[in-house]
Amino acid sequence: MLNGNPENENGETYGPAIENTFPPDLMLAIGEDNIQGYVKLSESVGKVAESPEEAEVLIKSTKAYSVPLYLQDGKTVIGKFILVPNAKR
């Protein structure tokens, strides 16, 4: 267990994202069709800007994209999770 989160057989932590703690490698999420699974932190951060101009475009972007939704093993894909950058909450 690392930072209060269990680890899978690959050494990846999994569980809910908890405020004021480092997020697990696999964050608990509800995907399309209300399927509960895990999203890889490394896949959910989106594109990294390579210039100030590109950063400005990315900051203003609201284009949705999907990432795989996994079982806690971090390998088995069970659905997809839709991310909308800069969505109004």
Protein backbone atom coordinates (compact mmCIF):
# COMPACT_ATOMS: atom_id res chain seq x y z
CA MET A 1 0.00 0.00 0.00
CA LEU A 2 1.38 3.41 -1.00
CA ASN A 3 -0.10 6.71 0.20
CA GLY A 4 -3.12 4.78 1.48
CA ASN A 5 -3.84 3.15 -1.90
CA PRO A 6 -3.53 -0.57 -2.64
CA GLU A 7 -1.15 -1.75 -5.36
CA ASN A 8 -1.88 -4.18 -8.19
CA GLU A 9 0.53 -6.93 -9.24
CA ASN A 10 2.35 -4.44 -11.52
CA GLY A 11 3.09 -2.09 -8.61
CA GLU A 12 0.54 0.51 -9.76
CA THR A 13 -1.54 2.15 -7.05
CA TYR A 14 -5.28 2.34 -7.58
CA GLY A 15 -8.23 3.99 -5.93
CA PRO A 16 -10.11 7.28 -5.75
CA ALA A 17 -8.40 10.62 -6.21
CA ILE A 18 -8.37 12.22 -2.77
CA GLU A 19 -7.89 15.96 -2.33
CA ASN A 20 -4.50 17.04 -0.92
CA THR A 21 -2.85 13.68 -1.64
CA PHE A 22 -0.79 12.43 -4.55
CA PRO A 23 -3.20 10.71 -7.00
CA PRO A 24 -2.94 6.96 -7.58
CA ASP A 25 -1.57 5.61 -10.86
CA LEU A 26 -5.06 4.27 -11.64
CA MET A 27 -7.83 6.65 -10.57
CA LEU A 28 -11.33 5.41 -9.89
CA ALA A 29 -13.75 6.67 -12.57
CA ILE A 30 -17.22 6.10 -13.96
CA GLY A 31 -17.05 5.72 -17.73
CA GLU A 32 -19.60 5.57 -20.48
CA ASP A 33 -22.65 3.41 -19.75
CA ASN A 34 -21.96 3.92 -16.00
CA ILE A 35 -19.15 1.37 -16.02
CA GLN A 36 -16.89 1.74 -12.99
CA GLY A 37 -13.20 1.25 -13.59
CA TYR A 38 -9.87 3.03 -13.49
CA VAL A 39 -8.21 5.68 -15.64
CA LYS A 40 -4.43 5.77 -15.91
CA LEU A 41 -3.08 9.06 -14.60
CA SER A 42 -0.44 8.97 -17.35
CA GLU A 43 -3.15 8.80 -20.05
CA SER A 44 -5.52 11.37 -18.57
CA VAL A 45 -3.25 14.42 -18.41
CA GLY A 46 -3.69 15.25 -22.09
CA LYS A 47 -1.26 16.81 -24.50
CA VAL A 48 1.73 18.81 -23.26
CA ALA A 49 2.35 22.10 -25.05
CA GLU A 50 5.65 22.52 -26.84
CA SER A 51 5.47 26.32 -27.15
CA PRO A 52 3.72 29.25 -25.46
CA GLU A 53 1.45 29.62 -28.49
CA GLU A 54 0.44 25.96 -28.36
CA ALA A 55 -0.15 26.25 -24.61
CA GLU A 56 -2.57 29.13 -25.19
CA VAL A 57 -4.53 27.07 -27.72
CA LEU A 58 -4.63 24.05 -25.38
CA ILE A 59 -5.77 26.17 -22.42
CA LYS A 60 -8.73 27.43 -24.43
CA SER A 61 -9.57 23.99 -25.84
CA THR A 62 -12.83 22.35 -24.86
CA LYS A 63 -12.60 19.45 -27.31
CA ALA A 64 -13.50 16.18 -25.59
CA TYR A 65 -11.39 13.07 -25.95
CA SER A 66 -11.59 9.57 -24.53
CA VAL A 67 -9.13 7.39 -22.66
CA PRO A 68 -9.42 3.68 -21.88
CA LEU A 69 -11.17 2.56 -18.69
CA TYR A 70 -9.37 -0.37 -17.05
CA LEU A 71 -9.89 -3.00 -14.39
CA GLN A 72 -7.64 -2.54 -11.34
CA ASP A 73 -4.97 -4.63 -13.10
CA GLY A 74 -4.27 -1.65 -15.38
CA LYS A 75 -4.26 -3.92 -18.44
CA THR A 76 -7.82 -5.10 -19.09
CA VAL A 77 -9.83 -2.44 -20.95
CA ILE A 78 -13.50 -2.47 -19.97
CA GLY A 79 -14.73 0.75 -21.55
CA LYS A 80 -13.82 4.36 -22.11
CA PHE A 81 -13.86 7.56 -20.10
CA ILE A 82 -14.61 10.91 -21.74
CA LEU A 83 -12.48 13.88 -20.68
CA VAL A 84 -13.46 17.47 -21.46
CA PRO A 85 -10.64 19.93 -20.80
CA ASN A 86 -11.60 23.23 -19.22
CA ALA A 87 -15.24 22.21 -18.85
CA LYS A 88 -17.32 24.49 -16.68
CA ARG A 89 -18.08 22.66 -13.45
